[in-house]
Amino acid sequence: MGRFVKNPEATQGQTLEIPSVTTANRPAGQNGQIIFNTTTSTYQVYNGAAWYNVSEASREKTLVVDRFQGDGSTTVFGNGSGNTLDGSTAASLSVTPDAATDMLIFVGGVAQVAGTNYTYSGGAVTFGSAPPANDGTTNGHVIAIIHNLQKLGE
């Protein structure tokens, strides 16, 4: 892996290169890493304990991304709590995951660990400490919640 993303937000017309490796050459894994496994032709994500299939190249899967912004004091996002990027205070998850491990969460591009940095219950994500306020210019502390990971292997 060893690559750093200077601009973490791809725009229309840009592509994102996911590292391609064989099963035998997968890295040990860090929470939130994504690879394309050329042995199994699947995208895989490391969840802190093991590599899991996100999708098969031959089958379409849809990952959903919800984006929120911290304010330095709010710890709960979803079910009407927290702020969306447009400043709305009616923040909700667009998909209801089964468990905290069915999603990847990043705050300012930094992967969060389920059970350590956040918990999930009843359609809301609760952080152990409030994510920092978004500075409004660089979106430096955007909270990105990627879900539909419970669809893995289906």
N, C-alpha and C. Protein backbone atom coordinates (compact mmCIF):
# COMPACT_ATOMS: atom_id res chain seq x y z
N MET A 1 0.85 -1.15 0.00
CA MET A 1 0.00 0.00 0.00
C MET A 1 0.91 1.23 0.00
N GLY A 2 1.33 1.76 1.08
CA GLY A 2 2.34 2.79 1.15
C GLY A 2 2.11 4.02 0.30
N ARG A 3 0.92 4.26 -0.19
CA ARG A 3 0.66 5.45 -0.98
C ARG A 3 -0.16 6.42 -0.14
N PHE A 4 0.13 7.72 -0.30
CA PHE A 4 -0.62 8.73 0.42
C PHE A 4 -1.49 9.48 -0.57
N VAL A 5 -2.68 9.79 -0.17
CA VAL A 5 -3.60 10.50 -1.03
C VAL A 5 -3.52 11.97 -0.69
N LYS A 6 -3.06 12.78 -1.66
CA LYS A 6 -2.93 14.21 -1.42
C LYS A 6 -4.29 14.88 -1.44
N ASN A 7 -5.13 14.52 -2.41
CA ASN A 7 -6.48 15.06 -2.50
C ASN A 7 -7.44 13.89 -2.41
N PRO A 8 -8.02 13.64 -1.21
CA PRO A 8 -8.82 12.44 -1.00
C PRO A 8 -10.19 12.43 -1.68
N GLU A 9 -10.54 13.49 -2.40
CA GLU A 9 -11.86 13.54 -3.01
C GLU A 9 -11.74 13.52 -4.52
N ALA A 10 -12.19 12.43 -5.16
CA ALA A 10 -12.19 12.34 -6.61
C ALA A 10 -13.42 13.06 -7.14
N THR A 11 -13.27 13.74 -8.26
CA THR A 11 -14.39 14.43 -8.87
C THR A 11 -14.75 13.76 -10.18
N GLN A 12 -15.85 14.20 -10.78
CA GLN A 12 -16.33 13.62 -12.04
C GLN A 12 -15.20 13.56 -13.06
N GLY A 13 -15.05 12.43 -13.70
CA GLY A 13 -14.03 12.25 -14.73
C GLY A 13 -12.70 11.75 -14.22
N GLN A 14 -12.51 11.70 -12.90
CA GLN A 14 -11.27 11.19 -12.34
C GLN A 14 -11.44 9.72 -11.98
N THR A 15 -10.33 9.02 -11.87
CA THR A 15 -10.37 7.63 -11.45
C THR A 15 -9.55 7.47 -10.18
N LEU A 16 -9.77 6.38 -9.52
CA LEU A 16 -9.04 6.05 -8.30
C LEU A 16 -8.44 4.67 -8.51
N GLU A 17 -7.14 4.56 -8.34
CA GLU A 17 -6.48 3.27 -8.53
C GLU A 17 -6.39 2.54 -7.20
N ILE A 18 -7.01 1.35 -7.16
CA ILE A 18 -6.96 0.48 -5.99
C ILE A 18 -5.81 -0.50 -6.22
N PRO A 19 -4.92 -0.68 -5.25
CA PRO A 19 -3.81 -1.62 -5.44
C PRO A 19 -4.31 -3.04 -5.74
N SER A 20 -3.66 -3.70 -6.71
CA SER A 20 -3.99 -5.07 -7.09
C SER A 20 -2.93 -6.01 -6.56
N VAL A 21 -3.36 -7.05 -5.84
CA VAL A 21 -2.44 -8.04 -5.30
C VAL A 21 -3.09 -9.42 -5.33
N THR A 22 -2.27 -10.45 -5.26
CA THR A 22 -2.79 -11.81 -5.16
C THR A 22 -3.11 -12.11 -3.70
N THR A 23 -3.86 -13.18 -3.47
CA THR A 23 -4.17 -13.58 -2.11
C THR A 23 -2.88 -13.81 -1.32
N ALA A 24 -1.91 -14.47 -1.94
CA ALA A 24 -0.65 -14.78 -1.25
C ALA A 24 0.15 -13.53 -0.92
N ASN A 25 -0.04 -12.44 -1.68
CA ASN A 25 0.76 -11.23 -1.48
C ASN A 25 0.00 -10.10 -0.78
N ARG A 26 -1.16 -10.42 -0.20
CA ARG A 26 -1.88 -9.38 0.52
C ARG A 26 -1.05 -8.90 1.70
N PRO A 27 -1.13 -7.59 2.01
CA PRO A 27 -0.42 -7.10 3.19
C PRO A 27 -1.07 -7.63 4.46
N ALA A 28 -0.38 -7.47 5.58
CA ALA A 28 -0.92 -7.93 6.86
C ALA A 28 -2.26 -7.27 7.13
N GLY A 29 -2.44 -6.05 6.68
CA GLY A 29 -3.72 -5.37 6.77
C GLY A 29 -3.82 -4.40 7.92
N GLN A 30 -4.35 -3.22 7.61
CA GLN A 30 -4.68 -2.21 8.61
C GLN A 30 -6.14 -1.84 8.39
N ASN A 31 -6.83 -1.54 9.45
CA ASN A 31 -8.25 -1.22 9.38
C ASN A 31 -8.53 -0.19 8.28
N GLY A 32 -9.46 -0.51 7.39
CA GLY A 32 -9.88 0.41 6.34
C GLY A 32 -9.15 0.27 5.02
N GLN A 33 -8.10 -0.56 4.93
CA GLN A 33 -7.40 -0.72 3.66
C GLN A 33 -8.29 -1.44 2.65
N ILE A 34 -8.16 -1.06 1.38
CA ILE A 34 -8.92 -1.67 0.29
C ILE A 34 -7.94 -2.14 -0.77
N ILE A 35 -8.16 -3.35 -1.30
CA ILE A 35 -7.33 -3.90 -2.38
C ILE A 35 -8.23 -4.57 -3.42
N PHE A 36 -7.67 -4.82 -4.60
CA PHE A 36 -8.32 -5.70 -5.58
C PHE A 36 -7.51 -6.99 -5.57
N ASN A 37 -8.16 -8.10 -5.20
CA ASN A 37 -7.49 -9.39 -5.12
C ASN A 37 -7.57 -10.04 -6.50
N THR A 38 -6.42 -10.15 -7.19
CA THR A 38 -6.40 -10.70 -8.55
C THR A 38 -6.61 -12.21 -8.56
N THR A 39 -6.38 -12.88 -7.45
CA THR A 39 -6.62 -14.33 -7.37
C THR A 39 -8.11 -14.64 -7.40
N THR A 40 -8.89 -13.85 -6.66
CA THR A 40 -10.33 -14.11 -6.53
C THR A 40 -11.19 -13.15 -7.35
N SER A 41 -10.56 -12.16 -8.00
CA SER A 41 -11.27 -11.13 -8.76
C SER A 41 -12.32 -10.42 -7.91
N THR A 42 -11.92 -10.06 -6.69
CA THR A 42 -12.82 -9.35 -5.78
C THR A 42 -12.11 -8.15 -5.17
N TYR A 43 -12.90 -7.12 -4.86
CA TYR A 43 -12.40 -6.03 -4.05
C TYR A 43 -12.51 -6.50 -2.61
N GLN A 44 -11.50 -6.20 -1.82
CA GLN A 44 -11.50 -6.63 -0.43
C GLN A 44 -11.13 -5.45 0.48
N VAL A 45 -11.71 -5.48 1.68
CA VAL A 45 -11.42 -4.45 2.67
C VAL A 45 -10.99 -5.15 3.95
N TYR A 46 -10.04 -4.52 4.65
CA TYR A 46 -9.57 -5.07 5.93
C TYR A 46 -10.34 -4.41 7.04
N ASN A 47 -11.01 -5.19 7.88
CA ASN A 47 -11.89 -4.63 8.92
C ASN A 47 -11.23 -4.59 10.30
N GLY A 48 -9.94 -4.77 10.37
CA GLY A 48 -9.25 -4.77 11.66
C GLY A 48 -8.91 -6.16 12.12
N ALA A 49 -9.53 -7.19 11.50
CA ALA A 49 -9.26 -8.57 11.90
C ALA A 49 -8.99 -9.48 10.70
N ALA A 50 -9.59 -9.20 9.56
CA ALA A 50 -9.46 -10.07 8.40
C ALA A 50 -9.84 -9.31 7.13
N TRP A 51 -9.48 -9.89 5.97
CA TRP A 51 -9.87 -9.35 4.67
C TRP A 51 -11.24 -9.90 4.30
N TYR A 52 -12.16 -9.01 3.88
CA TYR A 52 -13.51 -9.41 3.48
C TYR A 52 -13.80 -8.91 2.07
N ASN A 53 -14.55 -9.70 1.31
CA ASN A 53 -14.94 -9.28 -0.03
C ASN A 53 -15.93 -8.13 0.05
N VAL A 54 -15.67 -7.09 -0.73
CA VAL A 54 -16.62 -6.00 -0.87
C VAL A 54 -17.53 -6.31 -2.05
N SER A 55 -16.95 -6.81 -3.12
CA SER A 55 -17.75 -7.19 -4.28
C SER A 55 -16.93 -8.09 -5.17
N GLU A 56 -17.63 -8.79 -6.01
CA GLU A 56 -16.98 -9.57 -7.05
C GLU A 56 -16.97 -8.71 -8.30
N ALA A 57 -15.89 -8.76 -9.05
CA ALA A 57 -15.81 -7.97 -10.27
C ALA A 57 -16.92 -8.34 -11.24
N SER A 58 -17.40 -9.59 -11.17
CA SER A 58 -18.43 -10.04 -12.10
C SER A 58 -19.85 -9.72 -11.62
N ARG A 59 -20.00 -9.24 -10.38
CA ARG A 59 -21.32 -8.92 -9.84
C ARG A 59 -21.34 -7.50 -9.33
N GLU A 60 -22.34 -6.76 -9.72
CA GLU A 60 -22.43 -5.37 -9.29
C GLU A 60 -22.86 -5.27 -7.84
N LYS A 61 -22.19 -4.44 -7.09
CA LYS A 61 -22.54 -4.14 -5.71
C LYS A 61 -22.60 -2.63 -5.58
N THR A 62 -23.40 -2.15 -4.72
CA THR A 62 -23.51 -0.71 -4.52
C THR A 62 -23.14 -0.37 -3.08
N LEU A 63 -22.07 0.38 -2.94
CA LEU A 63 -21.70 0.90 -1.63
C LEU A 63 -22.34 2.28 -1.49
N VAL A 64 -22.78 2.61 -0.31
CA VAL A 64 -23.44 3.88 -0.04
C VAL A 64 -22.53 4.70 0.87
N VAL A 65 -22.37 5.98 0.54
CA VAL A 65 -21.54 6.87 1.36
C VAL A 65 -22.41 8.01 1.86
N ASP A 66 -22.49 8.17 3.18
CA ASP A 66 -23.14 9.32 3.79
C ASP A 66 -22.05 10.21 4.36
N ARG A 67 -22.21 11.52 4.20
CA ARG A 67 -21.21 12.45 4.69
C ARG A 67 -21.84 13.43 5.67
N PHE A 68 -21.18 13.58 6.80
CA PHE A 68 -21.64 14.47 7.86
C PHE A 68 -20.50 15.40 8.23
N GLN A 69 -20.79 16.39 9.07
CA GLN A 69 -19.73 17.27 9.56
C GLN A 69 -19.82 17.36 11.08
N GLY A 70 -18.66 17.32 11.68
CA GLY A 70 -18.59 17.47 13.13
C GLY A 70 -18.71 18.93 13.52
N ASP A 71 -19.01 19.16 14.79
CA ASP A 71 -19.05 20.52 15.30
C ASP A 71 -18.21 20.66 16.58
N GLY A 72 -17.50 19.58 16.93
CA GLY A 72 -16.66 19.60 18.11
C GLY A 72 -17.38 19.22 19.39
N SER A 73 -18.73 19.07 19.32
CA SER A 73 -19.46 18.70 20.54
C SER A 73 -20.45 17.56 20.30
N THR A 74 -20.91 17.36 19.08
CA THR A 74 -21.88 16.31 18.78
C THR A 74 -21.18 14.96 18.64
N THR A 75 -21.70 13.94 19.31
CA THR A 75 -21.11 12.60 19.23
C THR A 75 -22.01 11.61 18.49
N VAL A 76 -23.29 11.93 18.30
CA VAL A 76 -24.24 11.01 17.67
C VAL A 76 -24.64 11.53 16.30
N PHE A 77 -24.56 10.64 15.29
CA PHE A 77 -24.93 10.98 13.92
C PHE A 77 -25.88 9.93 13.38
N GLY A 78 -27.03 10.37 12.89
CA GLY A 78 -28.06 9.49 12.38
C GLY A 78 -29.32 9.62 13.20
N ASN A 79 -30.43 9.14 12.64
CA ASN A 79 -31.74 9.25 13.30
C ASN A 79 -32.07 10.69 13.68
N GLY A 80 -31.69 11.64 12.83
CA GLY A 80 -31.99 13.04 13.08
C GLY A 80 -30.96 13.78 13.91
N SER A 81 -29.92 13.10 14.36
CA SER A 81 -28.88 13.74 15.17
C SER A 81 -27.66 14.04 14.30
N GLY A 82 -26.96 15.11 14.64
CA GLY A 82 -25.75 15.48 13.91
C GLY A 82 -26.07 16.35 12.71
N ASN A 83 -25.03 16.80 12.03
CA ASN A 83 -25.17 17.71 10.90
C ASN A 83 -24.71 17.07 9.61
N THR A 84 -25.50 17.23 8.57
CA THR A 84 -25.06 16.81 7.24
C THR A 84 -24.11 17.88 6.71
N LEU A 85 -23.44 17.62 5.61
CA LEU A 85 -22.49 18.58 5.06
C LEU A 85 -23.13 19.90 4.67
N ASP A 86 -24.40 19.86 4.28
CA ASP A 86 -25.07 21.11 3.88
C ASP A 86 -25.58 21.91 5.08
N GLY A 87 -25.30 21.43 6.30
CA GLY A 87 -25.69 22.15 7.50
C GLY A 87 -27.04 21.75 8.07
N SER A 88 -27.73 20.84 7.44
CA SER A 88 -29.02 20.37 7.94
C SER A 88 -28.81 19.66 9.28
N THR A 89 -29.75 19.81 10.17
CA THR A 89 -29.64 19.13 11.46
C THR A 89 -30.49 17.87 11.50
N ALA A 90 -30.99 17.41 10.36
CA ALA A 90 -31.81 16.20 10.29
C ALA A 90 -30.99 15.06 9.68
N ALA A 91 -29.83 14.83 10.23
CA ALA A 91 -28.92 13.83 9.68
C ALA A 91 -29.46 12.42 9.89
N SER A 92 -29.49 11.63 8.82
CA SER A 92 -29.90 10.24 8.90
C SER A 92 -29.01 9.41 7.99
N LEU A 93 -28.83 8.15 8.35
CA LEU A 93 -28.10 7.23 7.49
C LEU A 93 -29.04 6.80 6.37
N SER A 94 -28.55 6.77 5.14
CA SER A 94 -29.40 6.40 4.02
C SER A 94 -29.63 4.90 3.94
N VAL A 95 -28.84 4.13 4.66
CA VAL A 95 -28.97 2.68 4.74
C VAL A 95 -28.89 2.32 6.21
N THR A 96 -29.62 1.30 6.64
CA THR A 96 -29.55 0.87 8.03
C THR A 96 -28.72 -0.40 8.13
N PRO A 97 -27.44 -0.28 8.49
CA PRO A 97 -26.59 -1.46 8.62
C PRO A 97 -27.04 -2.36 9.76
N ASP A 98 -26.64 -3.62 9.69
CA ASP A 98 -26.98 -4.56 10.76
C ASP A 98 -26.09 -4.38 11.98
N ALA A 99 -24.84 -3.96 11.77
CA ALA A 99 -23.89 -3.86 12.87
C ALA A 99 -22.80 -2.84 12.55
N ALA A 100 -22.05 -2.42 13.56
CA ALA A 100 -20.97 -1.46 13.37
C ALA A 100 -19.91 -1.97 12.41
N THR A 101 -19.72 -3.28 12.36
CA THR A 101 -18.70 -3.86 11.48
C THR A 101 -19.16 -3.94 10.03
N ASP A 102 -20.41 -3.54 9.74
CA ASP A 102 -20.93 -3.53 8.37
C ASP A 102 -20.66 -2.21 7.67
N MET A 103 -19.85 -1.35 8.28
CA MET A 103 -19.54 -0.06 7.67
C MET A 103 -18.10 0.33 7.96
N LEU A 104 -17.60 1.21 7.12
CA LEU A 104 -16.29 1.82 7.33
C LEU A 104 -16.55 3.29 7.60
N ILE A 105 -15.89 3.82 8.60
CA ILE A 105 -16.08 5.23 8.94
C ILE A 105 -14.73 5.92 8.97
N PHE A 106 -14.71 7.10 8.33
CA PHE A 106 -13.51 7.92 8.28
C PHE A 106 -13.86 9.31 8.79
N VAL A 107 -13.00 9.88 9.61
CA VAL A 107 -13.14 11.27 10.06
C VAL A 107 -11.92 12.00 9.57
N GLY A 108 -12.13 12.94 8.67
CA GLY A 108 -11.00 13.67 8.09
C GLY A 108 -10.05 12.74 7.35
N GLY A 109 -10.57 11.66 6.77
CA GLY A 109 -9.76 10.71 6.02
C GLY A 109 -9.08 9.66 6.88
N VAL A 110 -9.29 9.69 8.19
CA VAL A 110 -8.66 8.73 9.10
C VAL A 110 -9.68 7.65 9.46
N ALA A 111 -9.33 6.39 9.22
CA ALA A 111 -10.23 5.28 9.51
C ALA A 111 -10.50 5.17 11.00
N GLN A 112 -11.75 4.93 11.34
CA GLN A 112 -12.17 4.75 12.73
C GLN A 112 -12.41 3.27 12.99
N VAL A 113 -12.18 2.82 14.19
CA VAL A 113 -12.30 1.40 14.54
C VAL A 113 -13.60 1.16 15.31
N ALA A 114 -14.43 0.25 14.76
CA ALA A 114 -15.69 -0.10 15.42
C ALA A 114 -15.41 -0.63 16.82
N GLY A 115 -16.17 -0.18 17.80
CA GLY A 115 -16.00 -0.64 19.17
C GLY A 115 -14.93 0.13 19.94
N THR A 116 -14.03 0.79 19.20
CA THR A 116 -12.99 1.59 19.84
C THR A 116 -13.30 3.07 19.68
N ASN A 117 -13.50 3.51 18.43
CA ASN A 117 -13.78 4.91 18.15
C ASN A 117 -15.27 5.22 18.05
N TYR A 118 -16.06 4.20 17.73
CA TYR A 118 -17.50 4.43 17.59
C TYR A 118 -18.27 3.14 17.86
N THR A 119 -19.55 3.34 18.16
CA THR A 119 -20.49 2.22 18.28
C THR A 119 -21.67 2.53 17.37
N TYR A 120 -22.45 1.52 17.07
CA TYR A 120 -23.63 1.69 16.22
C TYR A 120 -24.81 0.98 16.86
N SER A 121 -25.94 1.67 16.89
CA SER A 121 -27.15 1.07 17.43
C SER A 121 -28.36 1.83 16.90
N GLY A 122 -29.35 1.08 16.43
CA GLY A 122 -30.62 1.67 16.04
C GLY A 122 -30.56 2.77 15.01
N GLY A 123 -29.66 2.66 14.04
CA GLY A 123 -29.60 3.64 12.97
C GLY A 123 -28.75 4.86 13.26
N ALA A 124 -28.01 4.85 14.37
CA ALA A 124 -27.16 5.99 14.71
C ALA A 124 -25.75 5.53 15.08
N VAL A 125 -24.78 6.33 14.68
CA VAL A 125 -23.38 6.10 15.01
C VAL A 125 -23.03 7.03 16.17
N THR A 126 -22.42 6.47 17.22
CA THR A 126 -22.01 7.27 18.38
C THR A 126 -20.49 7.18 18.52
N PHE A 127 -19.84 8.33 18.47
CA PHE A 127 -18.39 8.40 18.62
C PHE A 127 -18.04 8.53 20.10
N GLY A 128 -16.89 7.98 20.50
CA GLY A 128 -16.43 8.09 21.88
C GLY A 128 -16.10 9.52 22.24
N SER A 129 -15.63 10.30 21.28
CA SER A 129 -15.40 11.73 21.48
C SER A 129 -15.90 12.45 20.23
N ALA A 130 -16.31 13.67 20.40
CA ALA A 130 -16.92 14.43 19.30
C ALA A 130 -15.91 14.69 18.19
N PRO A 131 -16.27 14.39 16.94
CA PRO A 131 -15.40 14.74 15.82
C PRO A 131 -15.22 16.25 15.74
N PRO A 132 -14.02 16.71 15.34
CA PRO A 132 -13.76 18.14 15.27
C PRO A 132 -14.70 18.84 14.28
N ALA A 133 -14.82 20.14 14.46
CA ALA A 133 -15.66 20.94 13.57
C ALA A 133 -15.04 21.00 12.18
N ASN A 134 -15.89 20.99 11.18
CA ASN A 134 -15.46 21.17 9.79
C ASN A 134 -15.09 22.64 9.62
N ASP A 135 -13.94 22.91 9.00
CA ASP A 135 -13.51 24.30 8.87
C ASP A 135 -14.25 25.05 7.76
N GLY A 136 -15.09 24.33 6.99
CA GLY A 136 -15.89 24.98 5.96
C GLY A 136 -15.14 25.29 4.68
N THR A 137 -13.83 25.12 4.68
CA THR A 137 -13.04 25.43 3.50
C THR A 137 -12.47 24.18 2.87
N THR A 138 -11.77 23.39 3.65
CA THR A 138 -11.10 22.20 3.11
C THR A 138 -11.88 20.92 3.35
N ASN A 139 -12.99 21.01 4.08
CA ASN A 139 -13.74 19.82 4.49
C ASN A 139 -12.83 18.83 5.20
N GLY A 140 -11.89 19.37 5.98
CA GLY A 140 -10.86 18.58 6.63
C GLY A 140 -11.36 17.56 7.64
N HIS A 141 -12.54 17.78 8.20
CA HIS A 141 -13.04 16.85 9.22
C HIS A 141 -14.38 16.27 8.82
N VAL A 142 -14.54 16.02 7.53
CA VAL A 142 -15.77 15.39 7.05
C VAL A 142 -15.84 13.98 7.60
N ILE A 143 -17.02 13.59 8.05
CA ILE A 143 -17.27 12.23 8.54
C ILE A 143 -17.88 11.47 7.37
N ALA A 144 -17.18 10.48 6.86
CA ALA A 144 -17.67 9.66 5.74
C ALA A 144 -18.02 8.27 6.27
N ILE A 145 -19.27 7.88 6.09
CA ILE A 145 -19.72 6.56 6.52
C ILE A 145 -20.05 5.76 5.27
N ILE A 146 -19.28 4.70 5.05
CA ILE A 146 -19.46 3.85 3.88
C ILE A 146 -20.17 2.60 4.34
N HIS A 147 -21.36 2.34 3.77
CA HIS A 147 -22.08 1.16 4.18
C HIS A 147 -22.62 0.36 3.02
N ASN A 148 -23.33 -0.66 3.33
CA ASN A 148 -23.76 -1.76 2.45
C ASN A 148 -22.71 -2.85 2.46
N LEU A 149 -21.80 -2.79 3.41
CA LEU A 149 -20.79 -3.84 3.52
C LEU A 149 -21.39 -5.14 4.03
N GLN A 150 -22.59 -5.08 4.63
CA GLN A 150 -23.24 -6.31 5.08
C GLN A 150 -23.66 -7.15 3.87
N LYS A 151 -23.56 -6.61 2.67
CA LYS A 151 -23.91 -7.33 1.46
C LYS A 151 -22.73 -8.20 0.97
N LEU A 152 -21.64 -8.19 1.72
CA LEU A 152 -20.45 -8.95 1.30
C LEU A 152 -20.78 -10.42 1.13
N GLY A 153 -20.30 -10.97 0.06
CA GLY A 153 -20.46 -12.40 -0.18
C GLY A 153 -21.83 -12.81 -0.68
N GLU A 154 -22.74 -11.85 -0.84
CA GLU A 154 -24.07 -12.20 -1.34
C GLU A 154 -24.06 -12.33 -2.84
